Amino acid sequence: MACCNHCMDAEKIFNEKTALRDVKRYHKKGLRKSTRLMLEPIRNDDLGNMTLLDIGGGIGSISFELFEMGIRKSTHVDASTGYLKIAKKQAEERNLNRQIEFRFGDFVELSSDLESADIVTLDRVICCYPDREKMIENAALKAKKYIGLVYPRDRWGANLAITIGNIWFKMQGSDFRTFIHRPEDVDRQIRNYGFSLINKSQTLVWEAVVYQNVHGSVI
């Protein structure tokens, strides 16, 4: 499925070379701290028979970790053909290729064709997408029990770095941009879809949050 110009230019940045670099790091050090913090409250649940929808799934590390905890199925969505290629290879090496459905494209455009899942994750995704509200809306409507996000903290240093980065992207003729979102805006929107915050953690750069569906089913 075709992506918007933003997604197509994102693929030039998040390519097979960077995917291989991420795999090397994952094999050496495991999950990034912010990702571990996001998954921690989910790990404490009985994940047997649960399903995962990993938006912007990258090399597939969240799926791999949660399969070890008992989930039965994962849907991995990514707008990078390079990352999907590497994620599929990693899944095959773990004999998980039949348990993971890989989908290429813009999640917002694909969402109507995707099944709901018990767990929905967006690890460093909303900071790379031009319509945060639409992304969260579609993700929340797919989450049966949990929705977890990692995104940059709203701090002056991060804002400065993103501003400089976006100037550089523009000078390169790229439509790709990164974004800082106010935590209160993200929180308010997710709560509006019937979720309650159950965990909030921070690193120097990243905000990691997990919400639980208070209704216990798709809204």
N, C-alpha and C. Protein backbone atom coordinates (compact mmCIF):
# COMPACT_ATOMS: atom_id res chain seq x y z
N MET A 1 0.85 -1.20 0.00
CA MET A 1 0.00 0.00 0.00
C MET A 1 0.88 1.25 0.00
N ALA A 2 0.56 2.22 -0.79
CA ALA A 2 1.36 3.42 -0.88
C ALA A 2 1.23 4.26 0.38
N CYS A 3 2.34 4.95 0.75
CA CYS A 3 2.35 5.84 1.90
C CYS A 3 2.30 7.28 1.41
N CYS A 4 2.03 8.18 2.34
CA CYS A 4 2.10 9.60 2.04
C CYS A 4 3.55 9.98 1.81
N ASN A 5 3.80 11.22 1.31
CA ASN A 5 5.16 11.67 1.06
C ASN A 5 6.01 11.61 2.32
N HIS A 6 5.39 11.97 3.46
CA HIS A 6 6.10 11.90 4.74
C HIS A 6 6.61 10.49 5.00
N CYS A 7 5.75 9.49 4.78
CA CYS A 7 6.14 8.10 5.02
C CYS A 7 7.21 7.65 4.05
N MET A 8 7.07 8.06 2.79
CA MET A 8 8.06 7.65 1.79
C MET A 8 9.43 8.22 2.12
N ASP A 9 9.47 9.47 2.59
CA ASP A 9 10.75 10.05 2.97
C ASP A 9 11.26 9.46 4.27
N ALA A 10 10.35 9.03 5.15
CA ALA A 10 10.76 8.36 6.38
C ALA A 10 11.49 7.07 6.05
N GLU A 11 11.06 6.39 4.98
CA GLU A 11 11.69 5.13 4.61
C GLU A 11 13.14 5.33 4.18
N LYS A 12 13.45 6.50 3.69
CA LYS A 12 14.84 6.78 3.31
C LYS A 12 15.73 6.89 4.54
N ILE A 13 15.12 7.27 5.66
CA ILE A 13 15.87 7.42 6.91
C ILE A 13 15.89 6.09 7.66
N PHE A 14 14.72 5.47 7.78
CA PHE A 14 14.59 4.19 8.47
C PHE A 14 14.69 3.07 7.44
N ASN A 15 15.91 2.83 7.00
CA ASN A 15 16.14 1.90 5.90
C ASN A 15 16.76 0.60 6.41
N GLU A 16 17.12 -0.27 5.49
CA GLU A 16 17.67 -1.57 5.88
C GLU A 16 18.98 -1.43 6.65
N LYS A 17 19.78 -0.45 6.29
CA LYS A 17 21.04 -0.24 6.99
C LYS A 17 20.82 0.09 8.45
N THR A 18 19.88 1.00 8.73
CA THR A 18 19.62 1.36 10.13
C THR A 18 18.93 0.20 10.85
N ALA A 19 18.15 -0.59 10.13
CA ALA A 19 17.51 -1.76 10.73
C ALA A 19 18.55 -2.76 11.19
N LEU A 20 19.55 -3.01 10.37
CA LEU A 20 20.61 -3.94 10.72
C LEU A 20 21.41 -3.43 11.92
N ARG A 21 21.58 -2.14 11.98
CA ARG A 21 22.27 -1.54 13.14
C ARG A 21 21.44 -1.76 14.41
N ASP A 22 20.11 -1.60 14.30
CA ASP A 22 19.24 -1.82 15.45
C ASP A 22 19.24 -3.29 15.89
N VAL A 23 19.29 -4.21 14.92
CA VAL A 23 19.34 -5.64 15.26
C VAL A 23 20.62 -5.93 16.04
N LYS A 24 21.72 -5.39 15.58
CA LYS A 24 23.00 -5.62 16.25
C LYS A 24 22.95 -5.11 17.69
N ARG A 25 22.36 -3.95 17.87
CA ARG A 25 22.25 -3.39 19.22
C ARG A 25 21.33 -4.24 20.09
N TYR A 26 20.20 -4.70 19.52
CA TYR A 26 19.23 -5.51 20.26
C TYR A 26 19.86 -6.83 20.70
N HIS A 27 20.61 -7.45 19.84
CA HIS A 27 21.26 -8.71 20.19
C HIS A 27 22.29 -8.52 21.29
N LYS A 28 22.90 -7.37 21.32
CA LYS A 28 23.95 -7.09 22.30
C LYS A 28 23.39 -6.60 23.63
N LYS A 29 22.38 -5.71 23.57
CA LYS A 29 21.92 -5.04 24.78
C LYS A 29 20.46 -5.29 25.14
N GLY A 30 19.70 -5.92 24.24
CA GLY A 30 18.28 -6.12 24.51
C GLY A 30 17.46 -4.88 24.19
N LEU A 31 16.26 -4.82 24.74
CA LEU A 31 15.38 -3.68 24.49
C LEU A 31 15.97 -2.39 25.03
N ARG A 32 15.64 -1.31 24.36
CA ARG A 32 16.00 -0.01 24.89
C ARG A 32 15.25 0.23 26.21
N LYS A 33 15.85 1.03 27.08
CA LYS A 33 15.27 1.25 28.41
C LYS A 33 13.85 1.76 28.33
N SER A 34 13.58 2.71 27.44
CA SER A 34 12.23 3.28 27.34
C SER A 34 11.22 2.23 26.92
N THR A 35 11.62 1.30 26.04
CA THR A 35 10.73 0.23 25.62
C THR A 35 10.47 -0.74 26.77
N ARG A 36 11.52 -1.06 27.52
CA ARG A 36 11.36 -1.93 28.69
C ARG A 36 10.39 -1.32 29.69
N LEU A 37 10.51 -0.01 29.90
CA LEU A 37 9.62 0.67 30.84
C LEU A 37 8.17 0.61 30.38
N MET A 38 7.97 0.76 29.07
CA MET A 38 6.60 0.68 28.53
C MET A 38 6.01 -0.70 28.73
N LEU A 39 6.81 -1.74 28.53
CA LEU A 39 6.30 -3.11 28.58
C LEU A 39 6.17 -3.65 30.00
N GLU A 40 6.85 -3.04 30.96
CA GLU A 40 6.91 -3.60 32.31
C GLU A 40 5.53 -3.89 32.92
N PRO A 41 4.59 -2.94 32.92
CA PRO A 41 3.28 -3.24 33.52
C PRO A 41 2.48 -4.27 32.72
N ILE A 42 2.74 -4.36 31.42
CA ILE A 42 2.06 -5.36 30.60
C ILE A 42 2.60 -6.75 30.90
N ARG A 43 3.91 -6.85 31.12
CA ARG A 43 4.54 -8.13 31.46
C ARG A 43 3.93 -8.74 32.72
N ASN A 44 3.49 -7.89 33.63
CA ASN A 44 2.98 -8.37 34.91
C ASN A 44 1.62 -9.05 34.78
N ASP A 45 0.97 -8.92 33.64
CA ASP A 45 -0.32 -9.57 33.39
C ASP A 45 -0.08 -10.99 32.87
N ASP A 46 -1.13 -11.78 32.88
CA ASP A 46 -1.07 -13.11 32.26
C ASP A 46 -1.34 -12.92 30.78
N LEU A 47 -0.30 -13.03 29.96
CA LEU A 47 -0.42 -12.72 28.54
C LEU A 47 -0.84 -13.92 27.71
N GLY A 48 -1.06 -15.05 28.35
CA GLY A 48 -1.46 -16.24 27.61
C GLY A 48 -2.68 -15.99 26.75
N ASN A 49 -2.54 -16.28 25.45
CA ASN A 49 -3.61 -16.16 24.47
C ASN A 49 -3.91 -14.73 24.04
N MET A 50 -3.14 -13.74 24.52
CA MET A 50 -3.36 -12.36 24.10
C MET A 50 -2.75 -12.12 22.71
N THR A 51 -3.18 -11.02 22.08
CA THR A 51 -2.67 -10.63 20.77
C THR A 51 -2.06 -9.24 20.85
N LEU A 52 -1.15 -8.97 19.92
CA LEU A 52 -0.44 -7.71 19.88
C LEU A 52 -0.59 -7.05 18.53
N LEU A 53 -0.77 -5.73 18.54
CA LEU A 53 -0.68 -4.91 17.33
C LEU A 53 0.45 -3.92 17.58
N ASP A 54 1.57 -4.11 16.91
CA ASP A 54 2.74 -3.26 17.09
C ASP A 54 2.84 -2.30 15.91
N ILE A 55 2.55 -1.04 16.17
CA ILE A 55 2.53 -0.01 15.13
C ILE A 55 3.92 0.62 15.04
N GLY A 56 4.48 0.61 13.84
CA GLY A 56 5.87 1.04 13.69
C GLY A 56 6.78 0.02 14.35
N GLY A 57 6.56 -1.26 14.01
CA GLY A 57 7.18 -2.37 14.72
C GLY A 57 8.68 -2.51 14.57
N GLY A 58 9.29 -1.79 13.64
CA GLY A 58 10.74 -1.82 13.52
C GLY A 58 11.28 -3.21 13.22
N ILE A 59 12.25 -3.66 14.02
CA ILE A 59 12.88 -4.96 13.79
C ILE A 59 12.09 -6.10 14.43
N GLY A 60 10.99 -5.77 15.13
CA GLY A 60 10.13 -6.80 15.70
C GLY A 60 10.42 -7.14 17.14
N SER A 61 11.25 -6.36 17.81
CA SER A 61 11.69 -6.72 19.16
C SER A 61 10.56 -6.80 20.17
N ILE A 62 9.55 -5.94 20.07
CA ILE A 62 8.44 -6.01 21.02
C ILE A 62 7.68 -7.31 20.84
N SER A 63 7.43 -7.69 19.61
CA SER A 63 6.76 -8.97 19.36
C SER A 63 7.57 -10.12 19.95
N PHE A 64 8.87 -10.13 19.70
CA PHE A 64 9.71 -11.23 20.16
C PHE A 64 9.68 -11.33 21.69
N GLU A 65 9.74 -10.20 22.35
CA GLU A 65 9.73 -10.20 23.82
C GLU A 65 8.39 -10.70 24.36
N LEU A 66 7.29 -10.25 23.76
CA LEU A 66 5.98 -10.64 24.28
C LEU A 66 5.62 -12.08 23.91
N PHE A 67 6.15 -12.60 22.81
CA PHE A 67 5.95 -14.02 22.53
C PHE A 67 6.58 -14.87 23.63
N GLU A 68 7.70 -14.43 24.15
CA GLU A 68 8.33 -15.15 25.25
C GLU A 68 7.46 -15.12 26.51
N MET A 69 6.59 -14.11 26.59
CA MET A 69 5.70 -13.98 27.75
C MET A 69 4.35 -14.64 27.52
N GLY A 70 4.11 -15.19 26.30
CA GLY A 70 2.92 -15.99 26.11
C GLY A 70 1.88 -15.53 25.11
N ILE A 71 2.09 -14.37 24.45
CA ILE A 71 1.08 -13.97 23.47
C ILE A 71 1.02 -15.00 22.34
N ARG A 72 -0.12 -15.06 21.66
CA ARG A 72 -0.28 -16.08 20.62
C ARG A 72 -0.15 -15.53 19.21
N LYS A 73 -0.31 -14.23 19.04
CA LYS A 73 -0.30 -13.66 17.69
C LYS A 73 0.12 -12.20 17.74
N SER A 74 0.80 -11.77 16.69
CA SER A 74 1.20 -10.37 16.59
C SER A 74 0.96 -9.86 15.17
N THR A 75 0.51 -8.62 15.07
CA THR A 75 0.43 -7.93 13.79
C THR A 75 1.44 -6.79 13.83
N HIS A 76 2.35 -6.81 12.88
CA HIS A 76 3.48 -5.88 12.85
C HIS A 76 3.28 -4.95 11.66
N VAL A 77 3.09 -3.67 11.93
CA VAL A 77 2.85 -2.68 10.87
C VAL A 77 4.04 -1.73 10.80
N ASP A 78 4.55 -1.52 9.60
CA ASP A 78 5.66 -0.58 9.45
C ASP A 78 5.62 0.03 8.05
N ALA A 79 6.06 1.28 7.96
CA ALA A 79 6.08 1.98 6.67
C ALA A 79 7.43 1.90 6.00
N SER A 80 8.33 1.06 6.55
CA SER A 80 9.66 0.89 5.97
C SER A 80 9.83 -0.51 5.43
N THR A 81 10.07 -0.64 4.14
CA THR A 81 10.30 -1.96 3.56
C THR A 81 11.60 -2.56 4.09
N GLY A 82 12.58 -1.71 4.36
CA GLY A 82 13.85 -2.18 4.89
C GLY A 82 13.68 -2.83 6.26
N TYR A 83 12.93 -2.16 7.14
CA TYR A 83 12.71 -2.72 8.47
C TYR A 83 11.84 -3.97 8.41
N LEU A 84 10.85 -3.98 7.54
CA LEU A 84 10.01 -5.17 7.41
C LEU A 84 10.84 -6.37 6.93
N LYS A 85 11.74 -6.15 6.00
CA LYS A 85 12.58 -7.23 5.50
C LYS A 85 13.40 -7.84 6.64
N ILE A 86 14.01 -6.98 7.44
CA ILE A 86 14.84 -7.46 8.54
C ILE A 86 13.99 -8.10 9.63
N ALA A 87 12.82 -7.51 9.91
CA ALA A 87 11.93 -8.08 10.94
C ALA A 87 11.47 -9.48 10.54
N LYS A 88 11.14 -9.65 9.27
CA LYS A 88 10.72 -10.98 8.78
C LYS A 88 11.84 -11.99 8.94
N LYS A 89 13.05 -11.58 8.63
CA LYS A 89 14.20 -12.47 8.76
C LYS A 89 14.41 -12.86 10.22
N GLN A 90 14.29 -11.87 11.11
CA GLN A 90 14.43 -12.15 12.54
C GLN A 90 13.34 -13.11 13.03
N ALA A 91 12.13 -12.93 12.52
CA ALA A 91 11.02 -13.81 12.92
C ALA A 91 11.26 -15.24 12.45
N GLU A 92 11.75 -15.39 11.23
CA GLU A 92 12.05 -16.72 10.70
C GLU A 92 13.10 -17.42 11.53
N GLU A 93 14.11 -16.67 11.96
CA GLU A 93 15.17 -17.26 12.77
C GLU A 93 14.64 -17.74 14.12
N ARG A 94 13.53 -17.14 14.57
CA ARG A 94 12.93 -17.52 15.85
C ARG A 94 11.73 -18.46 15.67
N ASN A 95 11.49 -18.89 14.44
CA ASN A 95 10.35 -19.74 14.10
C ASN A 95 9.02 -19.09 14.49
N LEU A 96 8.94 -17.78 14.30
CA LEU A 96 7.73 -17.04 14.64
C LEU A 96 7.02 -16.47 13.41
N ASN A 97 7.54 -16.77 12.22
CA ASN A 97 7.00 -16.14 11.02
C ASN A 97 5.53 -16.48 10.78
N ARG A 98 5.06 -17.63 11.27
CA ARG A 98 3.65 -17.98 11.10
C ARG A 98 2.75 -17.33 12.14
N GLN A 99 3.35 -16.80 13.19
CA GLN A 99 2.57 -16.18 14.25
C GLN A 99 2.53 -14.66 14.15
N ILE A 100 3.32 -14.12 13.22
CA ILE A 100 3.36 -12.67 13.03
C ILE A 100 2.85 -12.32 11.64
N GLU A 101 1.88 -11.45 11.59
CA GLU A 101 1.40 -10.92 10.31
C GLU A 101 2.10 -9.60 10.05
N PHE A 102 2.81 -9.50 8.95
CA PHE A 102 3.53 -8.28 8.61
C PHE A 102 2.72 -7.48 7.59
N ARG A 103 2.56 -6.18 7.89
CA ARG A 103 1.82 -5.30 6.99
C ARG A 103 2.66 -4.06 6.71
N PHE A 104 2.79 -3.73 5.43
CA PHE A 104 3.53 -2.54 5.03
C PHE A 104 2.58 -1.40 4.75
N GLY A 105 2.91 -0.20 5.26
CA GLY A 105 2.14 0.98 4.92
C GLY A 105 1.90 1.89 6.09
N ASP A 106 1.13 2.92 5.83
CA ASP A 106 0.73 3.92 6.83
C ASP A 106 -0.37 3.30 7.68
N PHE A 107 -0.13 3.15 8.98
CA PHE A 107 -1.09 2.51 9.86
C PHE A 107 -2.46 3.17 9.79
N VAL A 108 -2.50 4.48 9.75
CA VAL A 108 -3.80 5.18 9.71
C VAL A 108 -4.59 4.77 8.48
N GLU A 109 -3.91 4.60 7.36
CA GLU A 109 -4.59 4.18 6.14
C GLU A 109 -4.96 2.69 6.17
N LEU A 110 -4.17 1.91 6.87
CA LEU A 110 -4.40 0.45 6.94
C LEU A 110 -5.40 0.05 8.02
N SER A 111 -5.62 0.90 8.99
CA SER A 111 -6.29 0.50 10.22
C SER A 111 -7.65 -0.16 10.02
N SER A 112 -8.41 0.27 9.04
CA SER A 112 -9.74 -0.32 8.84
C SER A 112 -9.66 -1.78 8.44
N ASP A 113 -8.51 -2.22 7.93
CA ASP A 113 -8.34 -3.61 7.50
C ASP A 113 -7.65 -4.47 8.56
N LEU A 114 -7.33 -3.88 9.69
CA LEU A 114 -6.60 -4.60 10.74
C LEU A 114 -7.53 -5.04 11.85
N GLU A 115 -7.25 -6.20 12.41
CA GLU A 115 -8.03 -6.69 13.54
C GLU A 115 -7.64 -5.96 14.82
N SER A 116 -8.57 -5.89 15.76
CA SER A 116 -8.25 -5.36 17.08
C SER A 116 -7.31 -6.32 17.79
N ALA A 117 -6.60 -5.81 18.80
CA ALA A 117 -5.66 -6.64 19.55
C ALA A 117 -5.77 -6.30 21.03
N ASP A 118 -5.39 -7.25 21.86
CA ASP A 118 -5.42 -7.01 23.30
C ASP A 118 -4.43 -5.92 23.69
N ILE A 119 -3.28 -5.91 23.03
CA ILE A 119 -2.22 -4.96 23.33
C ILE A 119 -1.86 -4.20 22.06
N VAL A 120 -1.82 -2.88 22.16
CA VAL A 120 -1.38 -2.04 21.04
C VAL A 120 -0.20 -1.21 21.51
N THR A 121 0.89 -1.22 20.74
CA THR A 121 2.08 -0.45 21.12
C THR A 121 2.48 0.50 20.01
N LEU A 122 2.94 1.68 20.43
CA LEU A 122 3.46 2.70 19.53
C LEU A 122 4.77 3.21 20.13
N ASP A 123 5.85 2.51 19.86
CA ASP A 123 7.14 2.83 20.43
C ASP A 123 7.89 3.80 19.51
N ARG A 124 7.98 5.06 19.93
CA ARG A 124 8.64 6.10 19.15
C ARG A 124 7.98 6.25 17.78
N VAL A 125 6.67 6.36 17.79
CA VAL A 125 5.89 6.43 16.55
C VAL A 125 5.22 7.78 16.38
N ILE A 126 4.52 8.26 17.41
CA ILE A 126 3.77 9.51 17.22
C ILE A 126 4.68 10.71 17.03
N CYS A 127 5.96 10.57 17.40
CA CYS A 127 6.91 11.66 17.17
C CYS A 127 7.36 11.72 15.71
N CYS A 128 7.00 10.69 14.94
CA CYS A 128 7.42 10.62 13.53
C CYS A 128 6.23 10.64 12.58
N TYR A 129 5.07 11.08 13.08
CA TYR A 129 3.87 11.05 12.24
C TYR A 129 3.20 12.42 12.27
N PRO A 130 2.78 12.96 11.12
CA PRO A 130 2.28 14.33 11.07
C PRO A 130 0.91 14.56 11.69
N ASP A 131 0.13 13.51 11.89
CA ASP A 131 -1.21 13.67 12.47
C ASP A 131 -1.34 12.80 13.72
N ARG A 132 -0.82 13.33 14.83
CA ARG A 132 -0.84 12.60 16.09
C ARG A 132 -2.24 12.19 16.51
N GLU A 133 -3.21 13.07 16.36
CA GLU A 133 -4.57 12.78 16.81
C GLU A 133 -5.16 11.60 16.04
N LYS A 134 -4.95 11.57 14.73
CA LYS A 134 -5.50 10.49 13.92
C LYS A 134 -4.80 9.18 14.25
N MET A 135 -3.50 9.23 14.46
CA MET A 135 -2.76 8.03 14.81
C MET A 135 -3.26 7.44 16.12
N ILE A 136 -3.39 8.28 17.15
CA ILE A 136 -3.84 7.79 18.44
C ILE A 136 -5.29 7.32 18.38
N GLU A 137 -6.11 8.03 17.66
CA GLU A 137 -7.51 7.63 17.52
C GLU A 137 -7.62 6.21 16.96
N ASN A 138 -6.94 5.96 15.86
CA ASN A 138 -7.02 4.64 15.23
C ASN A 138 -6.40 3.56 16.11
N ALA A 139 -5.32 3.91 16.81
CA ALA A 139 -4.68 2.94 17.69
C ALA A 139 -5.58 2.60 18.88
N ALA A 140 -6.18 3.61 19.48
CA ALA A 140 -7.04 3.39 20.65
C ALA A 140 -8.25 2.54 20.29
N LEU A 141 -8.78 2.75 19.11
CA LEU A 141 -9.96 1.98 18.69
C LEU A 141 -9.64 0.52 18.41
N LYS A 142 -8.34 0.20 18.31
CA LYS A 142 -7.93 -1.19 18.07
C LYS A 142 -7.53 -1.91 19.36
N ALA A 143 -7.39 -1.17 20.46
CA ALA A 143 -6.85 -1.74 21.69
C ALA A 143 -7.97 -2.29 22.58
N LYS A 144 -7.95 -3.59 22.81
CA LYS A 144 -8.95 -4.21 23.68
C LYS A 144 -8.63 -4.01 25.16
N LYS A 145 -7.34 -4.07 25.49
CA LYS A 145 -6.98 -4.00 26.92
C LYS A 145 -5.92 -2.95 27.23
N TYR A 146 -4.82 -2.96 26.50
CA TYR A 146 -3.71 -2.04 26.80
C TYR A 146 -3.31 -1.25 25.56
N ILE A 147 -2.88 -0.01 25.81
CA ILE A 147 -2.20 0.76 24.76
C ILE A 147 -0.98 1.41 25.41
N GLY A 148 0.19 1.18 24.80
CA GLY A 148 1.43 1.71 25.33
C GLY A 148 2.13 2.59 24.30
N LEU A 149 2.73 3.68 24.78
CA LEU A 149 3.41 4.61 23.89
C LEU A 149 4.75 5.03 24.48
N VAL A 150 5.70 5.27 23.61
CA VAL A 150 6.95 5.94 23.96
C VAL A 150 7.10 7.11 23.01
N TYR A 151 7.34 8.30 23.56
CA TYR A 151 7.53 9.49 22.72
C TYR A 151 8.42 10.48 23.47
N PRO A 152 9.00 11.46 22.77
CA PRO A 152 9.95 12.37 23.41
C PRO A 152 9.30 13.23 24.50
N ARG A 153 10.05 13.45 25.57
CA ARG A 153 9.59 14.35 26.61
C ARG A 153 9.56 15.78 26.07
N ASP A 154 8.61 16.55 26.56
CA ASP A 154 8.46 17.94 26.13
C ASP A 154 9.40 18.82 26.93
N ARG A 155 10.67 18.82 26.50
CA ARG A 155 11.70 19.59 27.18
C ARG A 155 12.40 20.49 26.17
N TRP A 156 13.00 21.57 26.67
CA TRP A 156 13.59 22.54 25.74
C TRP A 156 14.68 21.91 24.89
N GLY A 157 15.47 21.01 25.48
CA GLY A 157 16.55 20.38 24.72
C GLY A 157 16.01 19.55 23.56
N ALA A 158 14.94 18.78 23.84
CA ALA A 158 14.34 17.95 22.79
C ALA A 158 13.72 18.83 21.72
N ASN A 159 13.05 19.89 22.14
CA ASN A 159 12.43 20.80 21.17
C ASN A 159 13.49 21.44 20.27
N LEU A 160 14.62 21.81 20.86
CA LEU A 160 15.69 22.41 20.07
C LEU A 160 16.26 21.41 19.07
N ALA A 161 16.49 20.19 19.53
CA ALA A 161 17.06 19.16 18.66
C ALA A 161 16.12 18.84 17.50
N ILE A 162 14.83 18.77 17.79
CA ILE A 162 13.85 18.47 16.74
C ILE A 162 13.73 19.63 15.76
N THR A 163 13.78 20.84 16.26
CA THR A 163 13.72 22.01 15.37
C THR A 163 14.90 22.01 14.41
N ILE A 164 16.09 21.76 14.94
CA ILE A 164 17.30 21.72 14.09
C ILE A 164 17.19 20.58 13.09
N GLY A 165 16.72 19.41 13.56
CA GLY A 165 16.57 18.27 12.67
C GLY A 165 15.60 18.54 11.54
N ASN A 166 14.48 19.19 11.85
CA ASN A 166 13.49 19.48 10.82
C ASN A 166 13.99 20.51 9.80
N ILE A 167 14.82 21.43 10.26
CA ILE A 167 15.44 22.38 9.33
C ILE A 167 16.34 21.63 8.36
N TRP A 168 17.09 20.67 8.90
CA TRP A 168 17.99 19.87 8.06
C TRP A 168 17.20 19.05 7.05
N PHE A 169 16.09 18.42 7.50
CA PHE A 169 15.25 17.64 6.58
C PHE A 169 14.73 18.54 5.45
N LYS A 170 14.29 19.73 5.80
CA LYS A 170 13.77 20.66 4.80
C LYS A 170 14.85 21.05 3.80
N MET A 171 16.05 21.29 4.29
CA MET A 171 17.16 21.67 3.41
C MET A 171 17.52 20.53 2.46
N GLN A 172 17.26 19.29 2.90
CA GLN A 172 17.54 18.12 2.05
C GLN A 172 16.40 17.83 1.08
N GLY A 173 15.33 18.63 1.14
CA GLY A 173 14.19 18.42 0.26
C GLY A 173 13.29 17.28 0.70
N SER A 174 13.38 16.92 1.98
CA SER A 174 12.59 15.81 2.50
C SER A 174 11.31 16.32 3.15
N ASP A 175 10.23 15.56 2.98
CA ASP A 175 8.97 15.89 3.64
C ASP A 175 8.88 15.30 5.05
N PHE A 176 9.87 14.50 5.44
CA PHE A 176 9.85 13.89 6.76
C PHE A 176 10.08 14.95 7.84
N ARG A 177 9.30 14.87 8.91
CA ARG A 177 9.45 15.76 10.05
C ARG A 177 9.25 14.96 11.33
N THR A 178 9.85 15.44 12.43
CA THR A 178 9.60 14.86 13.75
C THR A 178 8.87 15.89 14.60
N PHE A 179 8.22 15.40 15.66
CA PHE A 179 7.30 16.25 16.42
C PHE A 179 7.43 16.01 17.93
N ILE A 180 7.25 17.08 18.69
CA ILE A 180 7.14 16.98 20.14
C ILE A 180 5.67 17.19 20.51
N HIS A 181 5.15 16.32 21.37
CA HIS A 181 3.76 16.44 21.80
C HIS A 181 3.70 16.67 23.30
N ARG A 182 2.78 17.52 23.72
CA ARG A 182 2.60 17.75 25.15
C ARG A 182 1.97 16.53 25.79
N PRO A 183 2.53 15.99 26.87
CA PRO A 183 1.98 14.80 27.52
C PRO A 183 0.52 14.96 27.91
N GLU A 184 0.14 16.16 28.33
CA GLU A 184 -1.26 16.37 28.72
C GLU A 184 -2.22 16.23 27.54
N ASP A 185 -1.76 16.58 26.33
CA ASP A 185 -2.59 16.43 25.14
C ASP A 185 -2.75 14.96 24.77
N VAL A 186 -1.64 14.22 24.84
CA VAL A 186 -1.69 12.79 24.57
C VAL A 186 -2.57 12.09 25.59
N ASP A 187 -2.38 12.42 26.85
CA ASP A 187 -3.15 11.81 27.93
C ASP A 187 -4.65 12.08 27.78
N ARG A 188 -4.99 13.31 27.50
CA ARG A 188 -6.40 13.68 27.37
C ARG A 188 -7.06 12.91 26.23
N GLN A 189 -6.38 12.81 25.12
CA GLN A 189 -6.98 12.12 23.98
C GLN A 189 -7.18 10.64 24.27
N ILE A 190 -6.19 9.98 24.85
CA ILE A 190 -6.32 8.55 25.12
C ILE A 190 -7.41 8.30 26.14
N ARG A 191 -7.50 9.12 27.17
CA ARG A 191 -8.55 8.96 28.17
C ARG A 191 -9.94 9.12 27.54
N ASN A 192 -10.04 9.98 26.54
CA ASN A 192 -11.33 10.19 25.87
C ASN A 192 -11.84 8.93 25.18
N TYR A 193 -10.94 7.97 24.93
CA TYR A 193 -11.35 6.71 24.30
C TYR A 193 -11.58 5.61 25.33
N GLY A 194 -11.68 6.00 26.60
CA GLY A 194 -12.05 5.05 27.64
C GLY A 194 -10.90 4.34 28.30
N PHE A 195 -9.70 4.94 28.29
CA PHE A 195 -8.53 4.33 28.90
C PHE A 195 -8.12 5.08 30.16
N SER A 196 -7.50 4.35 31.06
CA SER A 196 -6.99 4.93 32.30
C SER A 196 -5.48 4.69 32.37
N LEU A 197 -4.73 5.71 32.75
CA LEU A 197 -3.29 5.59 32.87
C LEU A 197 -2.93 4.66 34.03
N ILE A 198 -2.12 3.62 33.76
CA ILE A 198 -1.71 2.71 34.82
C ILE A 198 -0.22 2.79 35.10
N ASN A 199 0.54 3.40 34.20
CA ASN A 199 1.97 3.54 34.47
C ASN A 199 2.57 4.65 33.60
N LYS A 200 3.42 5.44 34.23
CA LYS A 200 4.14 6.50 33.53
C LYS A 200 5.58 6.47 33.99
N SER A 201 6.51 6.32 33.08
CA SER A 201 7.94 6.29 33.40
C SER A 201 8.67 7.22 32.45
N GLN A 202 9.85 7.64 32.86
CA GLN A 202 10.63 8.56 32.04
C GLN A 202 12.10 8.18 32.04
N THR A 203 12.74 8.46 30.92
CA THR A 203 14.19 8.48 30.86
C THR A 203 14.58 9.94 30.64
N LEU A 204 15.83 10.18 30.42
CA LEU A 204 16.26 11.57 30.20
C LEU A 204 15.55 12.18 29.00
N VAL A 205 15.28 11.36 27.99
CA VAL A 205 14.74 11.86 26.72
C VAL A 205 13.30 11.43 26.48
N TRP A 206 12.91 10.23 26.97
CA TRP A 206 11.67 9.61 26.55
C TRP A 206 10.63 9.50 27.65
N GLU A 207 9.37 9.62 27.23
CA GLU A 207 8.20 9.39 28.07
C GLU A 207 7.63 8.02 27.69
N ALA A 208 7.41 7.15 28.67
CA ALA A 208 6.84 5.83 28.41
C ALA A 208 5.57 5.69 29.23
N VAL A 209 4.43 5.48 28.56
CA VAL A 209 3.14 5.43 29.25
C VAL A 209 2.36 4.19 28.81
N VAL A 210 1.56 3.68 29.74
CA VAL A 210 0.69 2.55 29.46
C VAL A 210 -0.69 2.85 30.01
N TYR A 211 -1.72 2.59 29.20
CA TYR A 211 -3.11 2.80 29.58
C TYR A 211 -3.86 1.48 29.48
N GLN A 212 -4.86 1.35 30.33
CA GLN A 212 -5.72 0.17 30.29
C GLN A 212 -7.14 0.58 29.94
N ASN A 213 -7.78 -0.22 29.10
CA ASN A 213 -9.15 0.02 28.68
C ASN A 213 -10.08 -0.28 29.86
N VAL A 214 -10.71 0.75 30.40
CA VAL A 214 -11.54 0.58 31.59
C VAL A 214 -12.82 -0.19 31.27
N HIS A 215 -13.18 -0.26 29.99
CA HIS A 215 -14.38 -0.99 29.59
C HIS A 215 -14.09 -2.46 29.31
N GLY A 216 -12.79 -2.78 29.15
CA GLY A 216 -12.41 -4.17 28.95
C GLY A 216 -12.74 -4.73 27.58
N SER A 217 -13.12 -3.87 26.63
CA SER A 217 -13.42 -4.33 25.28
C SER A 217 -13.24 -3.18 24.32
N VAL A 218 -13.33 -3.48 23.03
CA VAL A 218 -13.17 -2.44 22.02
C VAL A 218 -14.28 -1.43 22.15
N ILE A 219 -13.90 -0.14 22.05
CA ILE A 219 -14.89 0.93 22.20
C ILE A 219 -15.67 1.11 20.90
